[in-house]
PDB file of all heavy atoms in Angstrom:
ATOM      1  N   GLU A   1       0.819  -1.211   0.000  1.00  0.00           N
ATOM      2  CA  GLU A   1       0.000   0.000   0.000  1.00  0.00           C
ATOM      3  C   GLU A   1       0.851   1.257   0.000  1.00  0.00           C
ATOM      4  O   GLU A   1       0.408   2.327  -0.443  1.00  0.00           O
ATOM      5  CB  GLU A   1      -0.918  -0.026   1.225  1.00  0.00           C
ATOM      6  CG  GLU A   1      -2.031   0.991   1.184  1.00  0.00           C
ATOM      7  CD  GLU A   1      -2.949   0.880   2.386  1.00  0.00           C
ATOM      8  OE1 GLU A   1      -2.540   0.274   3.395  1.00  0.00           O
ATOM      9  OE2 GLU A   1      -4.065   1.412   2.314  1.00  0.00           O
ATOM     10  N   ASN A   2       2.096   1.150   0.456  1.00  0.00           N
ATOM     11  CA  ASN A   2       2.990   2.308   0.469  1.00  0.00           C
ATOM     12  C   ASN A   2       3.310   2.811  -0.930  1.00  0.00           C
ATOM     13  O   ASN A   2       3.687   3.966  -1.108  1.00  0.00           O
ATOM     14  CB  ASN A   2       4.298   1.962   1.198  1.00  0.00           C
ATOM     15  CG  ASN A   2       4.128   1.938   2.705  1.00  0.00           C
ATOM     16  OD1 ASN A   2       3.197   2.531   3.239  1.00  0.00           O
ATOM     17  ND2 ASN A   2       5.010   1.230   3.381  1.00  0.00           N
ATOM     18  N   GLY A   3       3.210   1.930  -1.930  1.00  0.00           N
ATOM     19  CA  GLY A   3       3.386   2.340  -3.315  1.00  0.00           C
ATOM     20  C   GLY A   3       4.809   2.339  -3.820  1.00  0.00           C
ATOM     21  O   GLY A   3       5.071   2.807  -4.932  1.00  0.00           O
ATOM     22  N   ASN A   4       5.757   1.818  -3.035  1.00  0.00           N
ATOM     23  CA  ASN A   4       7.156   1.832  -3.458  1.00  0.00           C
ATOM     24  C   ASN A   4       7.595   0.540  -4.142  1.00  0.00           C
ATOM     25  O   ASN A   4       8.658   0.495  -4.750  1.00  0.00           O
ATOM     26  CB  ASN A   4       8.061   2.082  -2.245  1.00  0.00           C
ATOM     27  CG  ASN A   4       7.776   3.426  -1.596  1.00  0.00           C
ATOM     28  OD1 ASN A   4       7.553   4.419  -2.295  1.00  0.00           O
ATOM     29  ND2 ASN A   4       7.776   3.455  -0.280  1.00  0.00           N
ATOM     30  N   VAL A   5       6.820  -0.525  -3.991  1.00  0.00           N
ATOM     31  CA  VAL A   5       7.187  -1.819  -4.559  1.00  0.00           C
ATOM     32  C   VAL A   5       5.971  -2.468  -5.210  1.00  0.00           C
ATOM     33  O   VAL A   5       4.821  -2.133  -4.903  1.00  0.00           O
ATOM     34  CB  VAL A   5       7.765  -2.771  -3.486  1.00  0.00           C
ATOM     35  CG1 VAL A   5       9.116  -2.292  -2.999  1.00  0.00           C
ATOM     36  CG2 VAL A   5       6.793  -2.939  -2.326  1.00  0.00           C
ATOM     37  N   ASP A   6       6.242  -3.394  -6.119  1.00  0.00           N
ATOM     38  CA  ASP A   6       5.183  -4.150  -6.794  1.00  0.00           C
ATOM     39  C   ASP A   6       5.030  -5.556  -6.236  1.00  0.00           C
ATOM     40  O   ASP A   6       3.940  -6.133  -6.302  1.00  0.00           O
ATOM     41  CB  ASP A   6       5.502  -4.265  -8.294  1.00  0.00           C
ATOM     42  CG  ASP A   6       5.672  -2.931  -8.965  1.00  0.00           C
ATOM     43  OD1 ASP A   6       4.657  -2.306  -9.309  1.00  0.00           O
ATOM     44  OD2 ASP A   6       6.834  -2.498  -9.144  1.00  0.00           O
ATOM     45  N   ILE A   7       6.134  -6.129  -5.724  1.00  0.00           N
ATOM     46  CA  ILE A   7       6.161  -7.530  -5.293  1.00  0.00           C
ATOM     47  C   ILE A   7       6.878  -7.600  -3.947  1.00  0.00           C
ATOM     48  O   ILE A   7       7.995  -7.107  -3.809  1.00  0.00           O
ATOM     49  CB  ILE A   7       6.898  -8.403  -6.326  1.00  0.00           C
ATOM     50  CG1 ILE A   7       6.180  -8.355  -7.673  1.00  0.00           C
ATOM     51  CG2 ILE A   7       7.030  -9.853  -5.839  1.00  0.00           C
ATOM     52  CD1 ILE A   7       6.998  -8.883  -8.841  1.00  0.00           C
ATOM     53  N   VAL A   8       6.232  -8.221  -2.951  1.00  0.00           N
ATOM     54  CA  VAL A   8       6.808  -8.335  -1.612  1.00  0.00           C
ATOM     55  C   VAL A   8       6.682  -9.776  -1.132  1.00  0.00           C
ATOM     56  O   VAL A   8       5.613 -10.380  -1.221  1.00  0.00           O
ATOM     57  CB  VAL A   8       6.092  -7.411  -0.604  1.00  0.00           C
ATOM     58  CG1 VAL A   8       6.682  -7.610   0.799  1.00  0.00           C
ATOM     59  CG2 VAL A   8       6.207  -5.961  -1.017  1.00  0.00           C
ATOM     60  N   GLY A   9       7.799 -10.323  -0.630  1.00  0.00           N
ATOM     61  CA  GLY A   9       7.790 -11.649  -0.025  1.00  0.00           C
ATOM     62  C   GLY A   9       8.361 -11.586   1.376  1.00  0.00           C
ATOM     63  O   GLY A   9       8.506 -10.513   1.960  1.00  0.00           O
ATOM     64  N   SER A  10       8.703 -12.750   1.915  1.00  0.00           N
ATOM     65  CA  SER A  10       9.274 -12.805   3.256  1.00  0.00           C
ATOM     66  C   SER A  10      10.122 -14.060   3.387  1.00  0.00           C
ATOM     67  O   SER A  10      10.130 -14.926   2.505  1.00  0.00           O
ATOM     68  CB  SER A  10       8.175 -12.811   4.317  1.00  0.00           C
ATOM     69  OG  SER A  10       7.555 -14.091   4.392  1.00  0.00           O
ATOM     70  N   ASN A  11      10.813 -14.180   4.508  1.00  0.00           N
ATOM     71  CA  ASN A  11      11.429 -15.451   4.862  1.00  0.00           C
ATOM     72  C   ASN A  11      10.322 -16.454   5.185  1.00  0.00           C
ATOM     73  O   ASN A  11       9.170 -16.080   5.447  1.00  0.00           O
ATOM     74  CB  ASN A  11      12.323 -15.297   6.086  1.00  0.00           C
ATOM     75  CG  ASN A  11      13.432 -14.283   5.882  1.00  0.00           C
ATOM     76  OD1 ASN A  11      13.900 -14.071   4.765  1.00  0.00           O
ATOM     77  ND2 ASN A  11      13.855 -13.649   6.965  1.00  0.00           N
ATOM     78  N   ILE A  12      10.656 -17.731   5.180  1.00  0.00           N
ATOM     79  CA  ILE A  12       9.713 -18.767   5.619  1.00  0.00           C
ATOM     80  C   ILE A  12      10.466 -19.717   6.546  1.00  0.00           C
ATOM     81  O   ILE A  12      11.701 -19.746   6.550  1.00  0.00           O
ATOM     82  CB  ILE A  12       9.096 -19.541   4.431  1.00  0.00           C
ATOM     83  CG1 ILE A  12      10.184 -20.177   3.536  1.00  0.00           C
ATOM     84  CG2 ILE A  12       8.226 -18.626   3.580  1.00  0.00           C
ATOM     85  CD1 ILE A  12      10.480 -21.597   3.830  1.00  0.00           C
ATOM     86  N   TYR A  13       9.731 -20.474   7.326  1.00  0.00           N
ATOM     87  CA  TYR A  13      10.369 -21.578   8.039  1.00  0.00           C
ATOM     88  C   TYR A  13       9.731 -22.887   7.590  1.00  0.00           C
ATOM     89  O   TYR A  13       8.587 -22.911   7.131  1.00  0.00           O
ATOM     90  CB  TYR A  13      10.331 -21.396   9.557  1.00  0.00           C
ATOM     91  CG  TYR A  13       9.003 -21.619  10.244  1.00  0.00           C
ATOM     92  CD1 TYR A  13       8.555 -22.907  10.551  1.00  0.00           C
ATOM     93  CD2 TYR A  13       8.219 -20.540  10.641  1.00  0.00           C
ATOM     94  CE1 TYR A  13       7.350 -23.110  11.210  1.00  0.00           C
ATOM     95  CE2 TYR A  13       7.017 -20.737  11.300  1.00  0.00           C
ATOM     96  CZ  TYR A  13       6.588 -22.024  11.581  1.00  0.00           C
ATOM     97  OH  TYR A  13       5.393 -22.219  12.231  1.00  0.00           O
ATOM     98  N   GLU A  14      10.487 -23.954   7.679  1.00  0.00           N
ATOM     99  CA  GLU A  14      10.060 -25.247   7.157  1.00  0.00           C
ATOM    100  C   GLU A  14       9.709 -26.214   8.282  1.00  0.00           C
ATOM    101  O   GLU A  14      10.313 -26.180   9.358  1.00  0.00           O
ATOM    102  CB  GLU A  14      11.159 -25.835   6.274  1.00  0.00           C
ATOM    103  CG  GLU A  14      11.450 -24.971   5.044  1.00  0.00           C
ATOM    104  CD  GLU A  14      12.642 -25.449   4.239  1.00  0.00           C
ATOM    105  OE1 GLU A  14      13.616 -25.927   4.851  1.00  0.00           O
ATOM    106  OE2 GLU A  14      12.600 -25.342   2.993  1.00  0.00           O
ATOM    107  N   PHE A  15       8.729 -27.072   8.007  1.00  0.00           N
ATOM    108  CA  PHE A  15       8.340 -28.103   8.953  1.00  0.00           C
ATOM    109  C   PHE A  15       7.914 -29.345   8.166  1.00  0.00           C
ATOM    110  O   PHE A  15       7.703 -29.279   6.947  1.00  0.00           O
ATOM    111  CB  PHE A  15       7.198 -27.621   9.862  1.00  0.00           C
ATOM    112  CG  PHE A  15       5.872 -27.487   9.149  1.00  0.00           C
ATOM    113  CD1 PHE A  15       4.909 -28.487   9.246  1.00  0.00           C
ATOM    114  CD2 PHE A  15       5.565 -26.364   8.401  1.00  0.00           C
ATOM    115  CE1 PHE A  15       3.684 -28.372   8.603  1.00  0.00           C
ATOM    116  CE2 PHE A  15       4.344 -26.236   7.742  1.00  0.00           C
ATOM    117  CZ  PHE A  15       3.400 -27.238   7.848  1.00  0.00           C
ATOM    118  N   GLU A  16       7.790 -30.466   8.851  1.00  0.00           N
ATOM    119  CA  GLU A  16       7.358 -31.695   8.182  1.00  0.00           C
ATOM    120  C   GLU A  16       5.899 -32.022   8.485  1.00  0.00           C
ATOM    121  O   GLU A  16       5.083 -32.103   7.571  1.00  0.00           O
ATOM    122  CB  GLU A  16       8.268 -32.858   8.559  1.00  0.00           C
ATOM    123  CG  GLU A  16       9.648 -32.770   7.906  1.00  0.00           C
ATOM    124  CD  GLU A  16      10.475 -34.015   8.127  1.00  0.00           C
ATOM    125  OE1 GLU A  16      10.106 -34.843   8.995  1.00  0.00           O
ATOM    126  OE2 GLU A  16      11.499 -34.176   7.429  1.00  0.00           O
ATOM    127  N   HIS A  17       5.556 -32.226   9.738  1.00  0.00           N
ATOM    128  CA  HIS A  17       4.198 -32.635  10.082  1.00  0.00           C
ATOM    129  C   HIS A  17       3.495 -31.624  10.992  1.00  0.00           C
ATOM    130  O   HIS A  17       2.331 -31.316  10.773  1.00  0.00           O
ATOM    131  CB  HIS A  17       4.222 -34.011  10.751  1.00  0.00           C
ATOM    132  CG  HIS A  17       4.899 -35.063   9.913  1.00  0.00           C
ATOM    133  ND1 HIS A  17       4.353 -35.532   8.734  1.00  0.00           N
ATOM    134  CD2 HIS A  17       6.089 -35.706  10.063  1.00  0.00           C
ATOM    135  CE1 HIS A  17       5.171 -36.433   8.202  1.00  0.00           C
ATOM    136  NE2 HIS A  17       6.227 -36.548   8.989  1.00  0.00           N
ATOM    137  N   ASN A  18       4.211 -31.120  11.963  1.00  0.00           N
ATOM    138  CA  ASN A  18       3.637 -30.179  12.920  1.00  0.00           C
ATOM    139  C   ASN A  18       4.233 -28.792  12.670  1.00  0.00           C
ATOM    140  O   ASN A  18       5.437 -28.596  12.836  1.00  0.00           O
ATOM    141  CB  ASN A  18       3.954 -30.647  14.346  1.00  0.00           C
ATOM    142  CG  ASN A  18       3.364 -29.719  15.402  1.00  0.00           C
ATOM    143  OD1 ASN A  18       2.781 -28.686  15.094  1.00  0.00           O
ATOM    144  ND2 ASN A  18       3.529 -30.098  16.658  1.00  0.00           N
ATOM    145  N   PRO A  19       3.408 -27.806  12.299  1.00  0.00           N
ATOM    146  CA  PRO A  19       3.961 -26.467  12.010  1.00  0.00           C
ATOM    147  C   PRO A  19       4.583 -25.790  13.219  1.00  0.00           C
ATOM    148  O   PRO A  19       5.311 -24.805  13.061  1.00  0.00           O
ATOM    149  CB  PRO A  19       2.735 -25.682  11.505  1.00  0.00           C
ATOM    150  CG  PRO A  19       1.550 -26.452  11.957  1.00  0.00           C
ATOM    151  CD  PRO A  19       1.965 -27.878  12.032  1.00  0.00           C
ATOM    152  N   GLN A  20       4.319 -26.307  14.415  1.00  0.00           N
ATOM    153  CA  GLN A  20       4.954 -25.748  15.602  1.00  0.00           C
ATOM    154  C   GLN A  20       6.390 -26.235  15.765  1.00  0.00           C
ATOM    155  O   GLN A  20       7.157 -25.666  16.532  1.00  0.00           O
ATOM    156  CB  GLN A  20       4.144 -26.125  16.849  1.00  0.00           C
ATOM    157  CG  GLN A  20       2.702 -25.650  16.814  1.00  0.00           C
ATOM    158  CD  GLN A  20       2.580 -24.147  16.619  1.00  0.00           C
ATOM    159  OE1 GLN A  20       3.320 -23.390  17.242  1.00  0.00           O
ATOM    160  NE2 GLN A  20       1.665 -23.722  15.764  1.00  0.00           N
ATOM    161  N   ASN A  21       6.743 -27.284  15.041  1.00  0.00           N
ATOM    162  CA  ASN A  21       8.089 -27.852  15.124  1.00  0.00           C
ATOM    163  C   ASN A  21       8.928 -27.323  13.960  1.00  0.00           C
ATOM    164  O   ASN A  21       8.994 -27.922  12.890  1.00  0.00           O
ATOM    165  CB  ASN A  21       8.013 -29.381  15.089  1.00  0.00           C
ATOM    166  CG  ASN A  21       9.378 -30.033  15.260  1.00  0.00           C
ATOM    167  OD1 ASN A  21      10.341 -29.390  15.688  1.00  0.00           O
ATOM    168  ND2 ASN A  21       9.464 -31.301  14.920  1.00  0.00           N
ATOM    169  N   ARG A  22       9.601 -26.220  14.193  1.00  0.00           N
ATOM    170  CA  ARG A  22      10.362 -25.560  13.134  1.00  0.00           C
ATOM    171  C   ARG A  22      11.681 -26.295  12.896  1.00  0.00           C
ATOM    172  O   ARG A  22      12.451 -26.506  13.830  1.00  0.00           O
ATOM    173  CB  ARG A  22      10.653 -24.107  13.516  1.00  0.00           C
ATOM    174  CG  ARG A  22       9.407 -23.272  13.777  1.00  0.00           C
ATOM    175  CD  ARG A  22       9.762 -21.845  14.094  1.00  0.00           C
ATOM    176  NE  ARG A  22       8.572 -21.026  14.255  1.00  0.00           N
ATOM    177  CZ  ARG A  22       8.549 -19.712  14.034  1.00  0.00           C
ATOM    178  NH1 ARG A  22       9.656 -19.089  13.649  1.00  0.00           N
ATOM    179  NH2 ARG A  22       7.434 -19.030  14.196  1.00  0.00           N
ATOM    180  N   LEU A  23      11.921 -26.649  11.634  1.00  0.00           N
ATOM    181  CA  LEU A  23      13.136 -27.382  11.303  1.00  0.00           C
ATOM    182  C   LEU A  23      14.244 -26.459  10.783  1.00  0.00           C
ATOM    183  O   LEU A  23      15.404 -26.601  11.154  1.00  0.00           O
ATOM    184  CB  LEU A  23      12.830 -28.450  10.254  1.00  0.00           C
ATOM    185  CG  LEU A  23      11.834 -29.541  10.656  1.00  0.00           C
ATOM    186  CD1 LEU A  23      11.621 -30.494   9.486  1.00  0.00           C
ATOM    187  CD2 LEU A  23      12.333 -30.297  11.881  1.00  0.00           C
ATOM    188  N   SER A  24      13.893 -25.545   9.888  1.00  0.00           N
ATOM    189  CA  SER A  24      14.901 -24.690   9.262  1.00  0.00           C
ATOM    190  C   SER A  24      14.240 -23.426   8.733  1.00  0.00           C
ATOM    191  O   SER A  24      13.017 -23.365   8.575  1.00  0.00           O
ATOM    192  CB  SER A  24      15.603 -25.432   8.121  1.00  0.00           C
ATOM    193  OG  SER A  24      14.655 -25.899   7.172  1.00  0.00           O
ATOM    194  N   ILE A  25      15.058 -22.427   8.461  1.00  0.00           N
ATOM    195  CA  ILE A  25      14.579 -21.148   7.937  1.00  0.00           C
ATOM    196  C   ILE A  25      15.168 -20.920   6.545  1.00  0.00           C
ATOM    197  O   ILE A  25      16.348 -21.177   6.312  1.00  0.00           O
ATOM    198  CB  ILE A  25      14.991 -19.987   8.860  1.00  0.00           C
ATOM    199  CG1 ILE A  25      14.327 -20.129  10.223  1.00  0.00           C
ATOM    200  CG2 ILE A  25      14.620 -18.634   8.244  1.00  0.00           C
ATOM    201  CD1 ILE A  25      14.810 -19.110  11.236  1.00  0.00           C
ATOM    202  N   LYS A  26      14.345 -20.468   5.642  1.00  0.00           N
ATOM    203  CA  LYS A  26      14.801 -20.098   4.307  1.00  0.00           C
ATOM    204  C   LYS A  26      14.770 -18.572   4.213  1.00  0.00           C
ATOM    205  O   LYS A  26      13.713 -17.967   4.076  1.00  0.00           O
ATOM    206  CB  LYS A  26      13.918 -20.725   3.227  1.00  0.00           C
ATOM    207  CG  LYS A  26      14.425 -20.493   1.807  1.00  0.00           C
ATOM    208  CD  LYS A  26      13.510 -21.161   0.797  1.00  0.00           C
ATOM    209  CE  LYS A  26      13.984 -20.904  -0.637  1.00  0.00           C
ATOM    210  NZ  LYS A  26      13.026 -21.465  -1.622  1.00  0.00           N
ATOM    211  N   LYS A  27      15.953 -17.970   4.325  1.00  0.00           N
ATOM    212  CA  LYS A  27      16.064 -16.520   4.301  1.00  0.00           C
ATOM    213  C   LYS A  27      16.226 -16.022   2.865  1.00  0.00           C
ATOM    214  O   LYS A  27      16.825 -16.688   2.027  1.00  0.00           O
ATOM    215  CB  LYS A  27      17.252 -16.057   5.144  1.00  0.00           C
ATOM    216  CG  LYS A  27      17.043 -16.236   6.650  1.00  0.00           C
ATOM    217  CD  LYS A  27      18.222 -15.686   7.422  1.00  0.00           C
ATOM    218  CE  LYS A  27      17.935 -15.675   8.918  1.00  0.00           C
ATOM    219  NZ  LYS A  27      16.951 -14.653   9.279  1.00  0.00           N
ATOM    220  N   MET A  28      15.713 -14.832   2.616  1.00  0.00           N
ATOM    221  CA  MET A  28      15.750 -14.242   1.293  1.00  0.00           C
ATOM    222  C   MET A  28      16.481 -12.899   1.312  1.00  0.00           C
ATOM    223  O   MET A  28      16.538 -12.236   2.358  1.00  0.00           O
ATOM    224  CB  MET A  28      14.318 -14.019   0.793  1.00  0.00           C
ATOM    225  CG  MET A  28      13.536 -15.294   0.509  1.00  0.00           C
ATOM    226  SD  MET A  28      13.999 -16.089  -1.066  1.00  0.00           S
ATOM    227  CE  MET A  28      15.112 -17.358  -0.517  1.00  0.00           C
ATOM    228  N   PRO A  29      17.045 -12.478   0.182  1.00  0.00           N
ATOM    229  CA  PRO A  29      17.615 -11.127   0.106  1.00  0.00           C
ATOM    230  C   PRO A  29      16.490 -10.112   0.309  1.00  0.00           C
ATOM    231  O   PRO A  29      15.347 -10.365  -0.079  1.00  0.00           O
ATOM    232  CB  PRO A  29      18.191 -11.065  -1.311  1.00  0.00           C
ATOM    233  CG  PRO A  29      17.414 -12.089  -2.077  1.00  0.00           C
ATOM    234  CD  PRO A  29      17.098 -13.183  -1.110  1.00  0.00           C
ATOM    235  N   LEU A  30      16.811  -8.957   0.894  1.00  0.00           N
ATOM    236  CA  LEU A  30      15.762  -8.043   1.344  1.00  0.00           C
ATOM    237  C   LEU A  30      15.454  -6.906   0.381  1.00  0.00           C
ATOM    238  O   LEU A  30      14.295  -6.559   0.169  1.00  0.00           O
ATOM    239  CB  LEU A  30      16.138  -7.474   2.716  1.00  0.00           C
ATOM    240  CG  LEU A  30      16.369  -8.515   3.817  1.00  0.00           C
ATOM    241  CD1 LEU A  30      16.749  -7.815   5.121  1.00  0.00           C
ATOM    242  CD2 LEU A  30      15.154  -9.403   4.010  1.00  0.00           C
ATOM    243  N   THR A  31      16.464  -6.295  -0.196  1.00  0.00           N
ATOM    244  CA  THR A  31      16.262  -5.088  -1.005  1.00  0.00           C
ATOM    245  C   THR A  31      16.129  -5.434  -2.484  1.00  0.00           C
ATOM    246  O   THR A  31      16.524  -6.511  -2.936  1.00  0.00           O
ATOM    247  CB  THR A  31      17.437  -4.124  -0.829  1.00  0.00           C
ATOM    248  OG1 THR A  31      18.625  -4.737  -1.371  1.00  0.00           O
ATOM    249  CG2 THR A  31      17.665  -3.806   0.645  1.00  0.00           C
ATOM    250  N   HIS A  32      15.601  -4.473  -3.246  1.00  0.00           N
ATOM    251  CA  HIS A  32      15.469  -4.686  -4.684  1.00  0.00           C
ATOM    252  C   HIS A  32      16.832  -4.943  -5.326  1.00  0.00           C
ATOM    253  O   HIS A  32      16.968  -5.825  -6.187  1.00  0.00           O
ATOM    254  CB  HIS A  32      14.806  -3.472  -5.344  1.00  0.00           C
ATOM    255  CG  HIS A  32      14.673  -3.599  -6.830  1.00  0.00           C
ATOM    256  ND1 HIS A  32      13.694  -4.361  -7.437  1.00  0.00           N
ATOM    257  CD2 HIS A  32      15.419  -3.087  -7.844  1.00  0.00           C
ATOM    258  CE1 HIS A  32      13.833  -4.304  -8.744  1.00  0.00           C
ATOM    259  NE2 HIS A  32      14.869  -3.540  -9.022  1.00  0.00           N
ATOM    260  N   LYS A  33      17.830  -4.203  -4.886  1.00  0.00           N
ATOM    261  CA  LYS A  33      19.176  -4.362  -5.455  1.00  0.00           C
ATOM    262  C   LYS A  33      19.728  -5.761  -5.188  1.00  0.00           C
ATOM    263  O   LYS A  33      20.267  -6.412  -6.099  1.00  0.00           O
ATOM    264  CB  LYS A  33      20.115  -3.302  -4.879  1.00  0.00           C
ATOM    265  CG  LYS A  33      21.513  -3.319  -5.488  1.00  0.00           C
ATOM    266  CD  LYS A  33      22.360  -2.173  -4.942  1.00  0.00           C
ATOM    267  CE  LYS A  33      23.737  -2.172  -5.577  1.00  0.00           C
ATOM    268  NZ  LYS A  33      24.570  -1.034  -5.044  1.00  0.00           N
TER     269      LYS A  33
END
């Protein structure tokens, strides 16, 4: 809504069966550059 970007994502964390049991994090680059 700020109007500065067209596409926004985030990091995620991974799990197998129970989403409360976090196994690993997949981090992403943050800036457009």
